[in-house]
C-alpha atoms as a PDB file:
ATOM      1  CA  MET A   1    -231.515  33.833-128.838  1.00  0.00           C
ATOM      2  CA  THR A   2    -227.918  34.997-129.004  1.00  0.00           C
ATOM      3  CA  ARG A   3    -227.416  38.541-127.686  1.00  0.00           C
ATOM      4  CA  TYR A   4    -224.404  40.474-128.906  1.00  0.00           C
ATOM      5  CA  LEU A   5    -223.448  43.493-126.808  1.00  0.00           C
ATOM      6  CA  ALA A   6    -221.856  46.704-127.817  1.00  0.00           C
ATOM      7  CA  PRO A   7    -218.147  46.592-127.217  1.00  0.00           C
ATOM      8  CA  ARG A   8    -216.904  47.805-123.884  1.00  0.00           C
ATOM      9  CA  PRO A   9    -213.534  47.692-122.301  1.00  0.00           C
ATOM     10  CA  VAL A  10    -213.123  44.100-121.124  1.00  0.00           C
ATOM     11  CA  TYR A  11    -210.600  43.160-118.387  1.00  0.00           C
ATOM     12  CA  ILE A  12    -209.883  40.317-115.886  1.00  0.00           C
ATOM     13  CA  LYS A  13    -208.835  40.886-112.313  1.00  0.00           C
ATOM     14  CA  GLU A  14    -208.068  38.623-109.504  1.00  0.00           C
ATOM     15  CA  ILE A  15    -210.832  38.674-106.739  1.00  0.00           C
ATOM     16  CA  THR A  16    -209.621  38.847-103.040  1.00  0.00           C
ATOM     17  CA  GLY A  17    -211.838  41.057-100.935  1.00  0.00           C
ATOM     18  CA  LYS A  18    -214.784  40.092 -98.999  1.00  0.00           C
ATOM     19  CA  SER A  19    -217.150  42.595-100.930  1.00  0.00           C
ATOM     20  CA  ASP A  20    -215.919  41.040-104.351  1.00  0.00           C
ATOM     21  CA  LEU A  21    -216.440  37.500-102.966  1.00  0.00           C
ATOM     22  CA  LYS A  22    -219.996  38.414-102.043  1.00  0.00           C
ATOM     23  CA  LYS A  23    -220.608  39.884-105.616  1.00  0.00           C
ATOM     24  CA  SER A  24    -218.924  36.705-107.019  1.00  0.00           C
ATOM     25  CA  ALA A  25    -221.207  34.444-105.107  1.00  0.00           C
ATOM     26  CA  ARG A  26    -224.255  36.200-106.591  1.00  0.00           C
ATOM     27  CA  LEU A  27    -222.804  36.047-110.086  1.00  0.00           C
ATOM     28  CA  ILE A  28    -222.196  32.346-109.757  1.00  0.00           C
ATOM     29  CA  ARG A  29    -225.712  31.704-108.414  1.00  0.00           C
ATOM     30  CA  LYS A  30    -227.419  33.815-111.194  1.00  0.00           C
ATOM     31  CA  SER A  31    -225.211  32.270-113.924  1.00  0.00           C
ATOM     32  CA  PHE A  32    -225.791  28.677-112.769  1.00  0.00           C
ATOM     33  CA  GLN A  33    -229.698  29.110-112.705  1.00  0.00           C
ATOM     34  CA  THR A  34    -229.979  28.199-116.431  1.00  0.00           C
ATOM     35  CA  VAL A  35    -228.159  24.911-115.788  1.00  0.00           C
ATOM     36  CA  ARG A  36    -230.190  24.315-112.630  1.00  0.00           C
ATOM     37  CA  ARG A  37    -233.372  24.521-114.600  1.00  0.00           C
ATOM     38  CA  GLN A  38    -232.111  22.612-117.532  1.00  0.00           C
ATOM     39  CA  PHE A  39    -231.203  19.657-115.436  1.00  0.00           C
ATOM     40  CA  ASN A  40    -233.893  20.038-112.879  1.00  0.00           C
ATOM     41  CA  LEU A  41    -231.700  20.514-109.866  1.00  0.00           C
ATOM     42  CA  ASN A  42    -232.911  21.823-106.651  1.00  0.00           C
ATOM     43  CA  ARG A  43    -231.623  21.978-102.979  1.00  0.00           C
ATOM     44  CA  LYS A  44    -233.030  18.562-102.199  1.00  0.00           C
ATOM     45  CA  ASN A  45    -231.437  16.585-105.068  1.00  0.00           C
ATOM     46  CA  CYS A  46    -228.180  18.558-105.310  1.00  0.00           C
ATOM     47  CA  PRO A  47    -227.708  21.021-102.346  1.00  0.00           C
ATOM     48  CA  GLY A  48    -223.963  21.580-103.222  1.00  0.00           C
ATOM     49  CA  PHE A  49    -224.771  22.844-106.764  1.00  0.00           C
ATOM     50  CA  ASN A  50    -223.225  26.117-107.741  1.00  0.00           C
ATOM     51  CA  SER A  51    -226.531  27.938-108.108  1.00  0.00           C
ATOM     52  CA  PHE A  52    -226.871  27.660-104.246  1.00  0.00           C
ATOM     53  CA  ILE A  53    -223.355  28.749-103.248  1.00  0.00           C
ATOM     54  CA  GLY A  54    -222.787  31.463-100.650  1.00  0.00           C
ATOM     55  CA  TRP A  55    -219.950  33.745-100.192  1.00  0.00           C
ATOM     56  CA  PRO A  56    -218.727  31.845 -97.062  1.00  0.00           C
ATOM     57  CA  ARG A  57    -217.912  28.790 -99.309  1.00  0.00           C
ATOM     58  CA  LEU A  58    -215.842  31.021-101.593  1.00  0.00           C
ATOM     59  CA  TYR A  59    -214.026  32.485 -98.533  1.00  0.00           C
ATOM     60  CA  GLU A  60    -213.225  28.926 -97.425  1.00  0.00           C
ATOM     61  CA  LEU A  61    -211.973  27.984-100.871  1.00  0.00           C
ATOM     62  CA  LYS A  62    -209.805  31.179-100.868  1.00  0.00           C
ATOM     63  CA  GLU A  63    -208.373  30.229 -97.363  1.00  0.00           C
ATOM     64  CA  ASN A  64    -207.364  26.793 -98.693  1.00  0.00           C
ATOM     65  CA  GLY A  65    -205.488  28.477-101.611  1.00  0.00           C
ATOM     66  CA  ALA A  66    -207.982  28.859-104.498  1.00  0.00           C
ATOM     67  CA  ARG A  67    -207.517  31.827-106.839  1.00  0.00           C
ATOM     68  CA  PHE A  68    -210.534  33.696-108.269  1.00  0.00           C
ATOM     69  CA  PHE A  69    -210.710  35.713-111.416  1.00  0.00           C
ATOM     70  CA  SER A  70    -213.498  37.773-112.717  1.00  0.00           C
ATOM     71  CA  ILE A  71    -213.973  39.411-116.133  1.00  0.00           C
ATOM     72  CA  PHE A  72    -215.532  42.767-116.330  1.00  0.00           C
ATOM     73  CA  TRP A  73    -217.567  44.221-119.211  1.00  0.00           C
ATOM     74  CA  GLY A  74    -217.064  47.863-118.603  1.00  0.00           C
ATOM     75  CA  ARG A  75    -217.792  48.253-114.914  1.00  0.00           C
ATOM     76  CA  LYS A  76    -220.058  45.245-114.649  1.00  0.00           C
ATOM     77  CA  MET A  77    -218.652  41.925-113.212  1.00  0.00           C
ATOM     78  CA  ALA A  78    -219.900  39.528-115.907  1.00  0.00           C
ATOM     79  CA  GLY A  79    -218.014  36.318-115.318  1.00  0.00           C
ATOM     80  CA  PHE A  80    -215.976  34.254-112.934  1.00  0.00           C
ATOM     81  CA  ILE A  81    -213.586  31.264-112.598  1.00  0.00           C
ATOM     82  CA  THR A  82    -211.749  29.421-109.806  1.00  0.00           C
ATOM     83  CA  VAL A  83    -208.334  27.948-110.155  1.00  0.00           C
ATOM     84  CA  GLU A  84    -207.166  25.448-107.525  1.00  0.00           C
ATOM     85  CA  LYS A  85    -203.679  23.894-107.235  1.00  0.00           C
ATOM     86  CA  ALA A  86    -203.839  20.180-106.359  1.00  0.00           C
ATOM     87  CA  GLY A  87    -200.095  19.594-106.106  1.00  0.00           C
ATOM     88  CA  ASP A  88    -197.528  17.871-108.432  1.00  0.00           C
ATOM     89  CA  GLY A  89    -198.342  20.247-111.315  1.00  0.00           C
ATOM     90  CA  GLN A  90    -202.064  19.516-111.184  1.00  0.00           C
ATOM     91  CA  TYR A  91    -204.706  22.310-111.282  1.00  0.00           C
ATOM     92  CA  TYR A  92    -208.423  22.339-111.302  1.00  0.00           C
ATOM     93  CA  LEU A  93    -210.767  24.899-112.966  1.00  0.00           C
ATOM     94  CA  GLU A  94    -214.137  25.342-111.403  1.00  0.00           C
ATOM     95  CA  LYS A  95    -217.121  27.451-111.153  1.00  0.00           C
ATOM     96  CA  LEU A  96    -216.731  28.980-114.651  1.00  0.00           C
ATOM     97  CA  ALA A  97    -219.720  31.403-114.818  1.00  0.00           C
ATOM     98  CA  VAL A  98    -220.899  34.037-117.177  1.00  0.00           C
ATOM     99  CA  LEU A  99    -224.055  35.940-116.525  1.00  0.00           C
ATOM    100  CA  PRO A 100    -226.783  34.895-119.204  1.00  0.00           C
ATOM    101  CA  ALA A 101    -226.936  38.534-120.645  1.00  0.00           C
ATOM    102  CA  TYR A 102    -223.232  38.505-121.406  1.00  0.00           C
ATOM    103  CA  ARG A 103    -222.866  34.995-122.894  1.00  0.00           C
ATOM    104  CA  HIS A 104    -221.739  34.388-126.498  1.00  0.00           C
ATOM    105  CA  ASN A 105    -219.386  37.340-126.430  1.00  0.00           C
ATOM    106  CA  GLY A 106    -216.166  35.465-125.761  1.00  0.00           C
ATOM    107  CA  LEU A 107    -215.954  36.034-121.999  1.00  0.00           C
ATOM    108  CA  GLY A 108    -216.027  32.467-121.012  1.00  0.00           C
ATOM    109  CA  LYS A 109    -213.275  31.744-123.464  1.00  0.00           C
ATOM    110  CA  ALA A 110    -211.185  34.663-122.136  1.00  0.00           C
ATOM    111  CA  LEU A 111    -211.630  33.424-118.562  1.00  0.00           C
ATOM    112  CA  VAL A 112    -210.513  29.862-119.572  1.00  0.00           C
ATOM    113  CA  GLU A 113    -207.641  31.193-121.527  1.00  0.00           C
ATOM    114  CA  HIS A 114    -206.607  33.477-118.579  1.00  0.00           C
ATOM    115  CA  ALA A 115    -206.834  30.604-116.063  1.00  0.00           C
ATOM    116  CA  LEU A 116    -204.784  28.258-118.420  1.00  0.00           C
ATOM    117  CA  ALA A 117    -202.190  31.020-118.822  1.00  0.00           C
ATOM    118  CA  TYR A 118    -202.042  31.364-115.030  1.00  0.00           C
ATOM    119  CA  CYS A 119    -201.634  27.640-114.543  1.00  0.00           C
ATOM    120  CA  THR A 120    -198.879  27.456-117.103  1.00  0.00           C
ATOM    121  CA  ALA A 121    -197.053  30.404-115.564  1.00  0.00           C
ATOM    122  CA  GLU A 122    -197.216  28.703-112.147  1.00  0.00           C
ATOM    123  CA  GLY A 123    -195.617  25.610-113.602  1.00  0.00           C
ATOM    124  CA  GLY A 124    -198.758  23.597-114.039  1.00  0.00           C
ATOM    125  CA  LYS A 125    -198.573  20.412-115.994  1.00  0.00           C
ATOM    126  CA  ARG A 126    -202.208  19.351-116.158  1.00  0.00           C
ATOM    127  CA  VAL A 127    -205.540  20.949-115.657  1.00  0.00           C
ATOM    128  CA  SER A 128    -208.727  19.135-114.923  1.00  0.00           C
ATOM    129  CA  ILE A 129    -212.369  20.045-114.898  1.00  0.00           C
ATOM    130  CA  GLY A 130    -215.481  18.246-113.750  1.00  0.00           C
ATOM    131  CA  LEU A 131    -218.932  18.875-115.384  1.00  0.00           C
ATOM    132  CA  ILE A 132    -222.343  17.399-115.837  1.00  0.00           C
ATOM    133  CA  ASN A 133    -221.766  14.469-118.272  1.00  0.00           C
ATOM    134  CA  GLU A 134    -225.133  15.023-119.872  1.00  0.00           C
ATOM    135  CA  ASN A 135    -224.261  18.602-120.836  1.00  0.00           C
ATOM    136  CA  THR A 136    -222.911  17.624-124.178  1.00  0.00           C
ATOM    137  CA  VAL A 137    -222.802  21.277-125.439  1.00  0.00           C
ATOM    138  CA  LEU A 138    -220.434  22.252-122.629  1.00  0.00           C
ATOM    139  CA  LYS A 139    -218.171  19.157-123.177  1.00  0.00           C
ATOM    140  CA  LYS A 140    -217.827  20.034-126.823  1.00  0.00           C
ATOM    141  CA  TRP A 141    -216.973  23.597-125.838  1.00  0.00           C
ATOM    142  CA  TYR A 142    -214.220  22.581-123.447  1.00  0.00           C
ATOM    143  CA  LYS A 143    -212.731  20.237-126.251  1.00  0.00           C
ATOM    144  CA  GLN A 144    -211.926  23.308-128.308  1.00  0.00           C
ATOM    145  CA  PHE A 145    -209.302  24.196-125.635  1.00  0.00           C
ATOM    146  CA  GLY A 146    -207.712  20.723-125.749  1.00  0.00           C
ATOM    147  CA  PHE A 147    -209.527  19.074-122.813  1.00  0.00           C
ATOM    148  CA  MET A 148    -209.956  15.439-123.270  1.00  0.00           C
ATOM    149  CA  GLU A 149    -212.536  13.228-121.472  1.00  0.00           C
ATOM    150  CA  LYS A 150    -210.871  10.946-118.881  1.00  0.00           C
ATOM    151  CA  GLU A 151    -213.489   9.412-116.811  1.00  0.00           C
ATOM    152  CA  VAL A 152    -217.333   9.441-116.206  1.00  0.00           C
ATOM    153  CA  LYS A 153    -218.470   8.668-112.652  1.00  0.00           C
ATOM    154  CA  ALA A 154    -221.862   8.254-111.002  1.00  0.00           C
ATOM    155  CA  TYR A 155    -222.319   9.333-107.449  1.00  0.00           C
ATOM    156  CA  ASP A 156    -225.203   8.312-105.155  1.00  0.00           C
ATOM    157  CA  HIS A 157    -225.729  11.880-103.992  1.00  0.00           C
ATOM    158  CA  LEU A 158    -225.947  13.457-107.464  1.00  0.00           C
ATOM    159  CA  PRO A 159    -228.785  13.271-109.929  1.00  0.00           C
ATOM    160  CA  PHE A 160    -226.399  13.303-112.890  1.00  0.00           C
ATOM    161  CA  THR A 161    -223.083  11.691-113.859  1.00  0.00           C
ATOM    162  CA  VAL A 162    -219.838  13.532-113.694  1.00  0.00           C
ATOM    163  CA  CYS A 163    -217.519  13.910-116.598  1.00  0.00           C
ATOM    164  CA  TYR A 164    -213.858  14.459-115.751  1.00  0.00           C
ATOM    165  CA  MET A 165    -211.738  16.176-118.452  1.00  0.00           C
ATOM    166  CA  GLU A 166    -208.038  16.973-118.480  1.00  0.00           C
ATOM    167  CA  MET A 167    -205.699  18.924-120.551  1.00  0.00           C
ATOM    168  CA  VAL A 168    -201.947  18.623-120.510  1.00  0.00           C
ATOM    169  CA  LEU A 169    -200.146  21.951-120.341  1.00  0.00           C
ATOM    170  CA  HIS A 170    -196.546  20.698-120.428  1.00  0.00           C
ATOM    171  CA  LYS A 171    -195.284  17.284-121.513  1.00  0.00           C
ATOM    172  CA  GLU A 172    -193.976  15.485-118.478  1.00  0.00           C
ATOM    173  CA  ARG A 173    -190.420  14.160-118.899  1.00  0.00           C
END
């Protein structure tokens, strides 16, 4: 069932402090529970899955240069995305998460658009994502932004295959 919420002021801000990292980790865990259940993932078959993430992992990513952005619905942190620079104009979007109660209100789209604008402003040429290949709804959703499937890989330690998608921000000369 799609739930549309009454309009509230929506804004995106960069997450930097320890308190916000803890809130972000809780938001990511809660948001990814639906995916965890859909694909029957658990700590044994997929211990590194986002529904098990703790704030120390986010802190580690931050220390390695990742940038975090959250979207707020009024005063409530409702979504999150990570942007990582890989070098040579390559960026990665990871951990896109919107709390189930706030989905289908354009928050995920706003986060992706914000992240893409950030990558462009930083001189990015390409943006890549990785997702569960069997999640065809999510793949279709990312294609609306211009992401194209590049590769599908199987890993021995994962109970699903991974689809890598890429979007070109600037034509390379």
